[in-house]
Amino acid sequence: MSEMHGNPSDHHSTPAALPEPATPMWLPALGLALFLVVGLLWGLSPATPDAATSGAAGSATASARPAPSH
């Protein structure tokens, strides 16, 4: 066999990867807090006036239509 096969001094091998740095614990906590705050603000916000009036107008026009006669 030649020297290139399985030789530890082969220059084609890649160096070992450096370990990944640990994520600081405040970063996921910040993401969770922002998610909860935005979710609460969205959930507790009042409905838009357009949605409320179109829903009321749609039900009012449906009840004001005369029944079809046969």
PDB file of N, CA and C in Angstrom:
ATOM      1  N   MET A   1       0.839  -1.185   0.000  1.00  0.00           N
ATOM      2  CA  MET A   1       0.000   0.000   0.000  1.00  0.00           C
ATOM      3  C   MET A   1       0.880   1.243   0.000  1.00  0.00           C
ATOM      4  N   SER A   2       0.329   2.304  -0.498  1.00  0.00           N
ATOM      5  CA  SER A   2       1.101   3.539  -0.520  1.00  0.00           C
ATOM      6  C   SER A   2       0.929   4.293   0.790  1.00  0.00           C
ATOM      7  N   GLU A   3       1.717   5.315   0.965  1.00  0.00           N
ATOM      8  CA  GLU A   3       1.659   6.108   2.196  1.00  0.00           C
ATOM      9  C   GLU A   3       0.394   6.946   2.305  1.00  0.00           C
ATOM     10  N   MET A   4      -0.275   7.250   1.208  1.00  0.00           N
ATOM     11  CA  MET A   4      -1.421   8.161   1.228  1.00  0.00           C
ATOM     12  C   MET A   4      -2.658   7.526   1.846  1.00  0.00           C
ATOM     13  N   HIS A   5      -2.748   6.220   1.888  1.00  0.00           N
ATOM     14  CA  HIS A   5      -3.940   5.570   2.403  1.00  0.00           C
ATOM     15  C   HIS A   5      -3.841   5.381   3.905  1.00  0.00           C
ATOM     16  N   GLY A   6      -4.656   6.121   4.670  1.00  0.00           N
ATOM     17  CA  GLY A   6      -4.721   5.930   6.107  1.00  0.00           C
ATOM     18  C   GLY A   6      -3.565   6.528   6.872  1.00  0.00           C
ATOM     19  N   ASN A   7      -2.779   7.354   6.258  1.00  0.00           N
ATOM     20  CA  ASN A   7      -1.648   7.956   6.944  1.00  0.00           C
ATOM     21  C   ASN A   7      -2.133   9.163   7.745  1.00  0.00           C
ATOM     22  N   PRO A   8      -1.863   9.228   9.062  1.00  0.00           N
ATOM     23  CA  PRO A   8      -2.328  10.376   9.855  1.00  0.00           C
ATOM     24  C   PRO A   8      -1.707  11.693   9.429  1.00  0.00           C
ATOM     25  N   SER A   9      -0.583  11.662   8.747  1.00  0.00           N
ATOM     26  CA  SER A   9       0.030  12.908   8.305  1.00  0.00           C
ATOM     27  C   SER A   9      -0.478  13.348   6.942  1.00  0.00           C
ATOM     28  N   ASP A  10      -1.558  12.718   6.472  1.00  0.00           N
ATOM     29  CA  ASP A  10      -2.149  13.070   5.173  1.00  0.00           C
ATOM     30  C   ASP A  10      -2.668  14.502   5.243  1.00  0.00           C
ATOM     31  N   HIS A  11      -2.332  15.314   4.262  1.00  0.00           N
ATOM     32  CA  HIS A  11      -2.718  16.731   4.260  1.00  0.00           C
ATOM     33  C   HIS A  11      -4.139  16.956   3.754  1.00  0.00           C
ATOM     34  N   HIS A  12      -4.808  15.918   3.338  1.00  0.00           N
ATOM     35  CA  HIS A  12      -6.171  16.059   2.840  1.00  0.00           C
ATOM     36  C   HIS A  12      -7.221  15.930   3.929  1.00  0.00           C
ATOM     37  N   SER A  13      -6.832  15.564   5.106  1.00  0.00           N
ATOM     38  CA  SER A  13      -7.810  15.405   6.191  1.00  0.00           C
ATOM     39  C   SER A  13      -8.183  16.777   6.759  1.00  0.00           C
ATOM     40  N   THR A  14      -9.393  16.895   7.242  1.00  0.00           N
ATOM     41  CA  THR A  14      -9.866  18.161   7.800  1.00  0.00           C
ATOM     42  C   THR A  14      -9.571  18.199   9.297  1.00  0.00           C
ATOM     43  N   PRO A  15      -9.279  19.364   9.820  1.00  0.00           N
ATOM     44  CA  PRO A  15      -9.024  19.442  11.262  1.00  0.00           C
ATOM     45  C   PRO A  15     -10.321  19.231  12.046  1.00  0.00           C
ATOM     46  N   ALA A  16     -10.185  18.836  13.277  1.00  0.00           N
ATOM     47  CA  ALA A  16     -11.352  18.610  14.133  1.00  0.00           C
ATOM     48  C   ALA A  16     -12.088  19.927  14.348  1.00  0.00           C
ATOM     49  N   ALA A  17     -13.407  19.862  14.324  1.00  0.00           N
ATOM     50  CA  ALA A  17     -14.222  21.066  14.500  1.00  0.00           C
ATOM     51  C   ALA A  17     -14.140  21.550  15.941  1.00  0.00           C
ATOM     52  N   LEU A  18     -14.147  22.840  16.089  1.00  0.00           N
ATOM     53  CA  LEU A  18     -14.135  23.420  17.434  1.00  0.00           C
ATOM     54  C   LEU A  18     -15.495  23.212  18.080  1.00  0.00           C
ATOM     55  N   PRO A  19     -15.541  23.045  19.385  1.00  0.00           N
ATOM     56  CA  PRO A  19     -16.848  22.880  20.040  1.00  0.00           C
ATOM     57  C   PRO A  19     -17.678  24.154  19.930  1.00  0.00           C
ATOM     58  N   GLU A  20     -18.964  23.969  19.786  1.00  0.00           N
ATOM     59  CA  GLU A  20     -19.874  25.100  19.654  1.00  0.00           C
ATOM     60  C   GLU A  20     -20.035  25.779  21.014  1.00  0.00           C
ATOM     61  N   PRO A  21     -19.998  27.119  21.048  1.00  0.00           N
ATOM     62  CA  PRO A  21     -20.169  27.795  22.337  1.00  0.00           C
ATOM     63  C   PRO A  21     -21.581  27.596  22.879  1.00  0.00           C
ATOM     64  N   ALA A  22     -21.679  27.542  24.184  1.00  0.00           N
ATOM     65  CA  ALA A  22     -22.979  27.335  24.830  1.00  0.00           C
ATOM     66  C   ALA A  22     -23.838  28.587  24.695  1.00  0.00           C
ATOM     67  N   THR A  23     -25.133  28.390  24.490  1.00  0.00           N
ATOM     68  CA  THR A  23     -26.067  29.504  24.394  1.00  0.00           C
ATOM     69  C   THR A  23     -26.319  30.052  25.791  1.00  0.00           C
ATOM     70  N   PRO A  24     -26.214  31.363  25.985  1.00  0.00           N
ATOM     71  CA  PRO A  24     -26.519  31.928  27.301  1.00  0.00           C
ATOM     72  C   PRO A  24     -27.989  31.695  27.644  1.00  0.00           C
ATOM     73  N   MET A  25     -28.280  31.412  28.899  1.00  0.00           N
ATOM     74  CA  MET A  25     -29.640  31.068  29.299  1.00  0.00           C
ATOM     75  C   MET A  25     -30.610  32.242  29.173  1.00  0.00           C
ATOM     76  N   TRP A  26     -30.104  33.464  29.155  1.00  0.00           N
ATOM     77  CA  TRP A  26     -31.008  34.608  29.048  1.00  0.00           C
ATOM     78  C   TRP A  26     -31.578  34.748  27.641  1.00  0.00           C
ATOM     79  N   LEU A  27     -30.920  34.177  26.644  1.00  0.00           N
ATOM     80  CA  LEU A  27     -31.392  34.336  25.273  1.00  0.00           C
ATOM     81  C   LEU A  27     -32.696  33.572  25.003  1.00  0.00           C
ATOM     82  N   PRO A  28     -32.811  32.291  25.349  1.00  0.00           N
ATOM     83  CA  PRO A  28     -34.110  31.628  25.178  1.00  0.00           C
ATOM     84  C   PRO A  28     -35.182  32.220  26.092  1.00  0.00           C
ATOM     85  N   ALA A  29     -34.786  32.673  27.287  1.00  0.00           N
ATOM     86  CA  ALA A  29     -35.758  33.290  28.194  1.00  0.00           C
ATOM     87  C   ALA A  29     -36.297  34.588  27.597  1.00  0.00           C
ATOM     88  N   LEU A  30     -35.435  35.352  26.951  1.00  0.00           N
ATOM     89  CA  LEU A  30     -35.872  36.589  26.299  1.00  0.00           C
ATOM     90  C   LEU A  30     -36.831  36.277  25.150  1.00  0.00           C
ATOM     91  N   GLY A  31     -36.522  35.266  24.361  1.00  0.00           N
ATOM     92  CA  GLY A  31     -37.406  34.884  23.265  1.00  0.00           C
ATOM     93  C   GLY A  31     -38.766  34.435  23.769  1.00  0.00           C
ATOM     94  N   LEU A  32     -38.790  33.652  24.845  1.00  0.00           N
ATOM     95  CA  LEU A  32     -40.055  33.199  25.416  1.00  0.00           C
ATOM     96  C   LEU A  32     -40.856  34.378  25.964  1.00  0.00           C
ATOM     97  N   ALA A  33     -40.194  35.305  26.642  1.00  0.00           N
ATOM     98  CA  ALA A  33     -40.886  36.472  27.198  1.00  0.00           C
ATOM     99  C   ALA A  33     -41.482  37.330  26.076  1.00  0.00           C
ATOM    100  N   LEU A  34     -40.727  37.554  25.013  1.00  0.00           N
ATOM    101  CA  LEU A  34     -41.248  38.345  23.890  1.00  0.00           C
ATOM    102  C   LEU A  34     -42.431  37.639  23.227  1.00  0.00           C
ATOM    103  N   PHE A  35     -42.336  36.320  23.072  1.00  0.00           N
ATOM    104  CA  PHE A  35     -43.427  35.557  22.478  1.00  0.00           C
ATOM    105  C   PHE A  35     -44.692  35.675  23.316  1.00  0.00           C
ATOM    106  N   LEU A  36     -44.557  35.554  24.629  1.00  0.00           N
ATOM    107  CA  LEU A  36     -45.722  35.651  25.508  1.00  0.00           C
ATOM    108  C   LEU A  36     -46.321  37.051  25.521  1.00  0.00           C
ATOM    109  N   VAL A  37     -45.478  38.085  25.549  1.00  0.00           N
ATOM    110  CA  VAL A  37     -45.979  39.461  25.572  1.00  0.00           C
ATOM    111  C   VAL A  37     -46.728  39.775  24.280  1.00  0.00           C
ATOM    112  N   VAL A  38     -46.157  39.408  23.147  1.00  0.00           N
ATOM    113  CA  VAL A  38     -46.827  39.682  21.861  1.00  0.00           C
ATOM    114  C   VAL A  38     -48.118  38.871  21.769  1.00  0.00           C
ATOM    115  N   GLY A  39     -48.093  37.628  22.216  1.00  0.00           N
ATOM    116  CA  GLY A  39     -49.300  36.810  22.190  1.00  0.00           C
ATOM    117  C   GLY A  39     -50.401  37.367  23.073  1.00  0.00           C
ATOM    118  N   LEU A  40     -50.040  37.838  24.250  1.00  0.00           N
ATOM    119  CA  LEU A  40     -51.039  38.434  25.138  1.00  0.00           C
ATOM    120  C   LEU A  40     -51.589  39.731  24.573  1.00  0.00           C
ATOM    121  N   LEU A  41     -50.727  40.559  24.020  1.00  0.00           N
ATOM    122  CA  LEU A  41     -51.202  41.812  23.418  1.00  0.00           C
ATOM    123  C   LEU A  41     -52.131  41.535  22.243  1.00  0.00           C
ATOM    124  N   TRP A  42     -51.791  40.561  21.436  1.00  0.00           N
ATOM    125  CA  TRP A  42     -52.637  40.219  20.296  1.00  0.00           C
ATOM    126  C   TRP A  42     -53.954  39.611  20.764  1.00  0.00           C
ATOM    127  N   GLY A  43     -53.900  38.741  21.755  1.00  0.00           N
ATOM    128  CA  GLY A  43     -55.107  38.086  22.223  1.00  0.00           C
ATOM    129  C   GLY A  43     -56.043  39.001  22.979  1.00  0.00           C
ATOM    130  N   LEU A  44     -55.495  39.977  23.671  1.00  0.00           N
ATOM    131  CA  LEU A  44     -56.323  40.873  24.464  1.00  0.00           C
ATOM    132  C   LEU A  44     -56.715  42.148  23.731  1.00  0.00           C
ATOM    133  N   SER A  45     -56.206  42.349  22.525  1.00  0.00           N
ATOM    134  CA  SER A  45     -56.551  43.556  21.778  1.00  0.00           C
ATOM    135  C   SER A  45     -57.998  43.465  21.300  1.00  0.00           C
ATOM    136  N   PRO A  46     -58.695  44.597  21.269  1.00  0.00           N
ATOM    137  CA  PRO A  46     -60.084  44.565  20.805  1.00  0.00           C
ATOM    138  C   PRO A  46     -60.144  44.272  19.308  1.00  0.00           C
ATOM    139  N   ALA A  47     -61.273  43.775  18.891  1.00  0.00           N
ATOM    140  CA  ALA A  47     -61.456  43.496  17.463  1.00  0.00           C
ATOM    141  C   ALA A  47     -61.457  44.813  16.696  1.00  0.00           C
ATOM    142  N   THR A  48     -61.096  44.741  15.430  1.00  0.00           N
ATOM    143  CA  THR A  48     -61.076  45.953  14.621  1.00  0.00           C
ATOM    144  C   THR A  48     -62.508  46.414  14.365  1.00  0.00           C
ATOM    145  N   PRO A  49     -62.731  47.711  14.247  1.00  0.00           N
ATOM    146  CA  PRO A  49     -64.094  48.209  14.005  1.00  0.00           C
ATOM    147  C   PRO A  49     -64.681  47.682  12.698  1.00  0.00           C
ATOM    148  N   ASP A  50     -63.858  47.481  11.682  1.00  0.00           N
ATOM    149  CA  ASP A  50     -64.373  46.987  10.401  1.00  0.00           C
ATOM    150  C   ASP A  50     -64.943  45.581  10.551  1.00  0.00           C
ATOM    151  N   ALA A  51     -64.254  44.737  11.296  1.00  0.00           N
ATOM    152  CA  ALA A  51     -64.724  43.359  11.464  1.00  0.00           C
ATOM    153  C   ALA A  51     -66.010  43.325  12.280  1.00  0.00           C
ATOM    154  N   ALA A  52     -66.109  44.178  13.295  1.00  0.00           N
ATOM    155  CA  ALA A  52     -67.303  44.187  14.135  1.00  0.00           C
ATOM    156  C   ALA A  52     -68.513  44.719  13.366  1.00  0.00           C
ATOM    157  N   THR A  53     -68.338  45.765  12.578  1.00  0.00           N
ATOM    158  CA  THR A  53     -69.476  46.340  11.849  1.00  0.00           C
ATOM    159  C   THR A  53     -69.880  45.464  10.673  1.00  0.00           C
ATOM    160  N   SER A  54     -68.925  44.830  10.007  1.00  0.00           N
ATOM    161  CA  SER A  54     -69.309  43.991   8.871  1.00  0.00           C
ATOM    162  C   SER A  54     -70.047  42.746   9.348  1.00  0.00           C
ATOM    163  N   GLY A  55     -69.681  42.212  10.501  1.00  0.00           N
ATOM    164  CA  GLY A  55     -70.387  41.063  11.035  1.00  0.00           C
ATOM    165  C   GLY A  55     -71.799  41.428  11.457  1.00  0.00           C
ATOM    166  N   ALA A  56     -71.967  42.593  12.091  1.00  0.00           N
ATOM    167  CA  ALA A  56     -73.288  43.033  12.519  1.00  0.00           C
ATOM    168  C   ALA A  56     -74.144  43.400  11.302  1.00  0.00           C
ATOM    169  N   ALA A  57     -73.544  44.034  10.312  1.00  0.00           N
ATOM    170  CA  ALA A  57     -74.295  44.425   9.120  1.00  0.00           C
ATOM    171  C   ALA A  57     -74.711  43.190   8.327  1.00  0.00           C
ATOM    172  N   GLY A  58     -73.852  42.193   8.281  1.00  0.00           N
ATOM    173  CA  GLY A  58     -74.187  40.981   7.551  1.00  0.00           C
ATOM    174  C   GLY A  58     -75.345  40.245   8.191  1.00  0.00           C
ATOM    175  N   SER A  59     -75.397  40.188   9.514  1.00  0.00           N
ATOM    176  CA  SER A  59     -76.502  39.493  10.171  1.00  0.00           C
ATOM    177  C   SER A  59     -77.783  40.329  10.104  1.00  0.00           C
ATOM    178  N   ALA A  60     -77.652  41.659  10.083  1.00  0.00           N
ATOM    179  CA  ALA A  60     -78.836  42.508  10.000  1.00  0.00           C
ATOM    180  C   ALA A  60     -79.480  42.390   8.615  1.00  0.00           C
ATOM    181  N   THR A  61     -78.669  42.327   7.573  1.00  0.00           N
ATOM    182  CA  THR A  61     -79.244  42.211   6.234  1.00  0.00           C
ATOM    183  C   THR A  61     -79.813  40.832   6.008  1.00  0.00           C
ATOM    184  N   ALA A  62     -79.239  39.827   6.633  1.00  0.00           N
ATOM    185  CA  ALA A  62     -79.775  38.470   6.477  1.00  0.00           C
ATOM    186  C   ALA A  62     -81.128  38.349   7.139  1.00  0.00           C
ATOM    187  N   SER A  63     -81.323  39.021   8.282  1.00  0.00           N
ATOM    188  CA  SER A  63     -82.613  38.912   8.961  1.00  0.00           C
ATOM    189  C   SER A  63     -83.646  39.848   8.339  1.00  0.00           C
ATOM    190  N   ALA A  64     -83.233  40.864   7.582  1.00  0.00           N
ATOM    191  CA  ALA A  64     -84.176  41.804   6.983  1.00  0.00           C
ATOM    192  C   ALA A  64     -84.730  41.289   5.649  1.00  0.00           C
ATOM    193  N   ARG A  65     -84.129  40.257   5.092  1.00  0.00           N
ATOM    194  CA  ARG A  65     -84.633  39.720   3.817  1.00  0.00           C
ATOM    195  C   ARG A  65     -85.953  39.007   4.023  1.00  0.00           C
ATOM    196  N   PRO A  66     -86.854  39.211   3.111  1.00  0.00           N
ATOM    197  CA  PRO A  66     -88.133  38.478   3.233  1.00  0.00           C
ATOM    198  C   PRO A  66     -87.923  37.018   2.873  1.00  0.00           C
ATOM    199  N   ALA A  67     -88.727  36.193   3.431  1.00  0.00           N
ATOM    200  CA  ALA A  67     -88.658  34.763   3.142  1.00  0.00           C
ATOM    201  C   ALA A  67     -89.156  34.522   1.727  1.00  0.00           C
ATOM    202  N   PRO A  68     -88.528  33.612   1.008  1.00  0.00           N
ATOM    203  CA  PRO A  68     -88.965  33.345  -0.368  1.00  0.00           C
ATOM    204  C   PRO A  68     -90.345  32.679  -0.350  1.00  0.00           C
ATOM    205  N   SER A  69     -91.196  33.122  -1.270  1.00  0.00           N
ATOM    206  CA  SER A  69     -92.558  32.539  -1.337  1.00  0.00           C
ATOM    207  C   SER A  69     -92.636  31.602  -2.514  1.00  0.00           C
ATOM    208  N   HIS A  70     -93.302  30.504  -2.325  1.00  0.00           N
ATOM    209  CA  HIS A  70     -93.481  29.523  -3.397  1.00  0.00           C
ATOM    210  C   HIS A  70     -94.904  29.331  -3.723  1.00  0.00           C
TER     211      HIS A  70
END
